[in-house]
Every structure is written in structure tokens, then in C-alpha cells.
Amino acid sequence: MTKIFKGLCDENRLLILDILKIQEKCACHLLEELDITQSTLSHHLKILCDSGLIQARKDGKWTYYSICPDGVLIGCKILKSYIYKQESR
């Protein structure tokens, strides 16, 4: 659970997720769209992959990143579990 929240608690990681919600991208294209260094991007991508929110796919020398639907659903379920249910009283 903490890995998912760690993935969501940074502005750059949220921007990466926003870009990837449209389509899969290689790291080089993500770098063009963000105002960060390559090493910073790698750091954020690792955290997002570790959290399960994104997934990586190798194709030759390139790595493509995309949203991982299962990881996002798990995050939604975790957040939903915190909703207090009035009808349970």
C-alpha cells in the first residue's frame, strides 16, 4: 500500500502518469515532455514501476512505459476502503 502512495506523492510522477494515460511512451519521449534530467526520470520511473502503477516493456534498446490497469485498480480499492459507510450504523 505504501508503495502505491509513494508513487502518487510527487508532482513529476503525477505528470508522468498524466502523459501515460493517453498512450504508451518510451523514456526518451517522456524526457522531451518533462523538465527533468534523465537520472531524475529514471528515479521516478523506478518508483512508479515498483508501485505497480506503471509497467515497462522492452523493445530492442528501448523501454516503453504504460499505465498498469491492475495497479491503478488496487490503488482505487485501497482508497475506497477508507470511505466511512454511514449505512453500517
C-alpha atoms as a PDB file:
ATOM      1  CA  MET A   1       0.000   0.000   0.000  1.00  0.00           C
ATOM      2  CA  THR A   2       2.744   2.463   0.875  1.00  0.00           C
ATOM      3  CA  LYS A   3       4.438   1.890  -2.499  1.00  0.00           C
ATOM      4  CA  ILE A   4       1.304   2.984  -4.332  1.00  0.00           C
ATOM      5  CA  PHE A   5       1.011   6.133  -2.241  1.00  0.00           C
ATOM      6  CA  LYS A   6       4.724   6.839  -2.684  1.00  0.00           C
ATOM      7  CA  GLY A   7       4.145   6.620  -6.429  1.00  0.00           C
ATOM      8  CA  LEU A   8       1.421   9.245  -6.193  1.00  0.00           C
ATOM      9  CA  CYS A   9       3.069  11.720  -3.830  1.00  0.00           C
ATOM     10  CA  ASP A  10       5.299  13.584  -6.269  1.00  0.00           C
ATOM     11  CA  GLU A  11       4.332  16.201  -8.854  1.00  0.00           C
ATOM     12  CA  ASN A  12       6.680  14.773 -11.503  1.00  0.00           C
ATOM     13  CA  ARG A  13       5.307  11.258 -11.045  1.00  0.00           C
ATOM     14  CA  LEU A  14       1.763  12.590 -11.401  1.00  0.00           C
ATOM     15  CA  LEU A  15       2.812  14.325 -14.633  1.00  0.00           C
ATOM     16  CA  ILE A  16       4.282  11.051 -15.903  1.00  0.00           C
ATOM     17  CA  LEU A  17       1.026   9.252 -15.110  1.00  0.00           C
ATOM     18  CA  ASP A  18      -0.911  12.008 -16.861  1.00  0.00           C
ATOM     19  CA  ILE A  19       1.212  11.597 -20.000  1.00  0.00           C
ATOM     20  CA  LEU A  20       0.956   7.811 -19.936  1.00  0.00           C
ATOM     21  CA  LYS A  21      -2.833   7.802 -19.552  1.00  0.00           C
ATOM     22  CA  ILE A  22      -3.032   8.832 -23.214  1.00  0.00           C
ATOM     23  CA  GLN A  23      -0.624   6.238 -24.608  1.00  0.00           C
ATOM     24  CA  GLU A  24       2.476   4.167 -24.006  1.00  0.00           C
ATOM     25  CA  LYS A  25       5.723   6.165 -24.281  1.00  0.00           C
ATOM     26  CA  CYS A  26       9.416   5.391 -24.338  1.00  0.00           C
ATOM     27  CA  ALA A  27      11.596   7.110 -21.758  1.00  0.00           C
ATOM     28  CA  CYS A  28      13.147   9.364 -24.407  1.00  0.00           C
ATOM     29  CA  HIS A  29       9.723  10.798 -25.291  1.00  0.00           C
ATOM     30  CA  LEU A  30       8.833  11.250 -21.638  1.00  0.00           C
ATOM     31  CA  LEU A  31      12.070  13.142 -21.174  1.00  0.00           C
ATOM     32  CA  GLU A  32      11.132  15.506 -24.023  1.00  0.00           C
ATOM     33  CA  GLU A  33       7.827  16.319 -22.325  1.00  0.00           C
ATOM     34  CA  LEU A  34       9.209  16.890 -18.821  1.00  0.00           C
ATOM     35  CA  ASP A  35      11.626  19.479 -17.482  1.00  0.00           C
ATOM     36  CA  ILE A  36      13.825  16.985 -15.600  1.00  0.00           C
ATOM     37  CA  THR A  37      17.130  15.204 -16.140  1.00  0.00           C
ATOM     38  CA  GLN A  38      17.446  11.634 -17.398  1.00  0.00           C
ATOM     39  CA  SER A  39      18.601  10.386 -13.995  1.00  0.00           C
ATOM     40  CA  THR A  40      15.628  12.062 -12.290  1.00  0.00           C
ATOM     41  CA  LEU A  41      13.253  10.495 -14.818  1.00  0.00           C
ATOM     42  CA  SER A  42      14.810   7.065 -14.207  1.00  0.00           C
ATOM     43  CA  HIS A  43      14.327   7.529 -10.464  1.00  0.00           C
ATOM     44  CA  HIS A  44      10.639   8.411 -10.887  1.00  0.00           C
ATOM     45  CA  LEU A  45      10.020   5.583 -13.362  1.00  0.00           C
ATOM     46  CA  LYS A  46      11.546   3.076 -10.956  1.00  0.00           C
ATOM     47  CA  ILE A  47       9.285   4.237  -8.134  1.00  0.00           C
ATOM     48  CA  LEU A  48       6.216   4.094 -10.400  1.00  0.00           C
ATOM     49  CA  CYS A  49       7.138   0.602 -11.632  1.00  0.00           C
ATOM     50  CA  ASP A  50       7.804  -0.591  -8.073  1.00  0.00           C
ATOM     51  CA  SER A  51       4.425   0.792  -7.016  1.00  0.00           C
ATOM     52  CA  GLY A  52       2.672  -1.207  -9.733  1.00  0.00           C
ATOM     53  CA  LEU A  53       1.075   1.912 -11.234  1.00  0.00           C
ATOM     54  CA  ILE A  54       3.037   1.617 -14.486  1.00  0.00           C
ATOM     55  CA  GLN A  55       4.653  -1.231 -16.366  1.00  0.00           C
ATOM     56  CA  ALA A  56       7.720  -1.388 -18.599  1.00  0.00           C
ATOM     57  CA  ARG A  57       8.089  -3.233 -21.886  1.00  0.00           C
ATOM     58  CA  LYS A  58      11.466  -3.716 -23.601  1.00  0.00           C
ATOM     59  CA  ASP A  59      11.635  -3.491 -27.391  1.00  0.00           C
ATOM     60  CA  GLY A  60      15.214  -3.719 -28.595  1.00  0.00           C
ATOM     61  CA  LYS A  61      17.227  -0.980 -26.936  1.00  0.00           C
ATOM     62  CA  TRP A  62      14.112   0.992 -25.948  1.00  0.00           C
ATOM     63  CA  THR A  63      11.900   0.635 -22.894  1.00  0.00           C
ATOM     64  CA  TYR A  64       8.264   1.642 -23.224  1.00  0.00           C
ATOM     65  CA  TYR A  65       6.142   2.600 -20.229  1.00  0.00           C
ATOM     66  CA  SER A  66       2.380   2.421 -19.826  1.00  0.00           C
ATOM     67  CA  ILE A  67      -0.279   2.592 -17.140  1.00  0.00           C
ATOM     68  CA  CYS A  68      -0.821  -0.734 -15.389  1.00  0.00           C
ATOM     69  CA  PRO A  69      -4.608  -1.075 -15.037  1.00  0.00           C
ATOM     70  CA  ASP A  70      -4.330  -3.667 -12.254  1.00  0.00           C
ATOM     71  CA  GLY A  71      -2.091  -1.377 -10.190  1.00  0.00           C
ATOM     72  CA  VAL A  72      -4.452   1.555 -10.599  1.00  0.00           C
ATOM     73  CA  LEU A  73      -7.425  -0.618  -9.602  1.00  0.00           C
ATOM     74  CA  ILE A  74      -5.599  -1.773  -6.476  1.00  0.00           C
ATOM     75  CA  GLY A  75      -4.916   1.879  -5.582  1.00  0.00           C
ATOM     76  CA  CYS A  76      -8.607   2.695  -6.075  1.00  0.00           C
ATOM     77  CA  LYS A  77      -9.657  -0.222  -3.878  1.00  0.00           C
ATOM     78  CA  ILE A  78      -7.273   0.877  -1.132  1.00  0.00           C
ATOM     79  CA  LEU A  79      -8.625   4.429  -1.187  1.00  0.00           C
ATOM     80  CA  LYS A  80     -12.212   3.201  -1.332  1.00  0.00           C
ATOM     81  CA  SER A  81     -11.609   1.107   1.792  1.00  0.00           C
ATOM     82  CA  TYR A  82     -11.214   4.367   3.759  1.00  0.00           C
ATOM     83  CA  ILE A  83     -14.709   5.581   2.970  1.00  0.00           C
ATOM     84  CA  TYR A  84     -16.827   5.523   6.106  1.00  0.00           C
ATOM     85  CA  LYS A  85     -20.086   3.787   5.408  1.00  0.00           C
ATOM     86  CA  GLN A  86     -22.953   5.647   7.070  1.00  0.00           C
ATOM     87  CA  GLU A  87     -25.380   2.793   6.491  1.00  0.00           C
ATOM     88  CA  SER A  88     -23.340   0.420   8.693  1.00  0.00           C
ATOM     89  CA  ARG A  89     -24.514   2.186  11.889  1.00  0.00           C
END
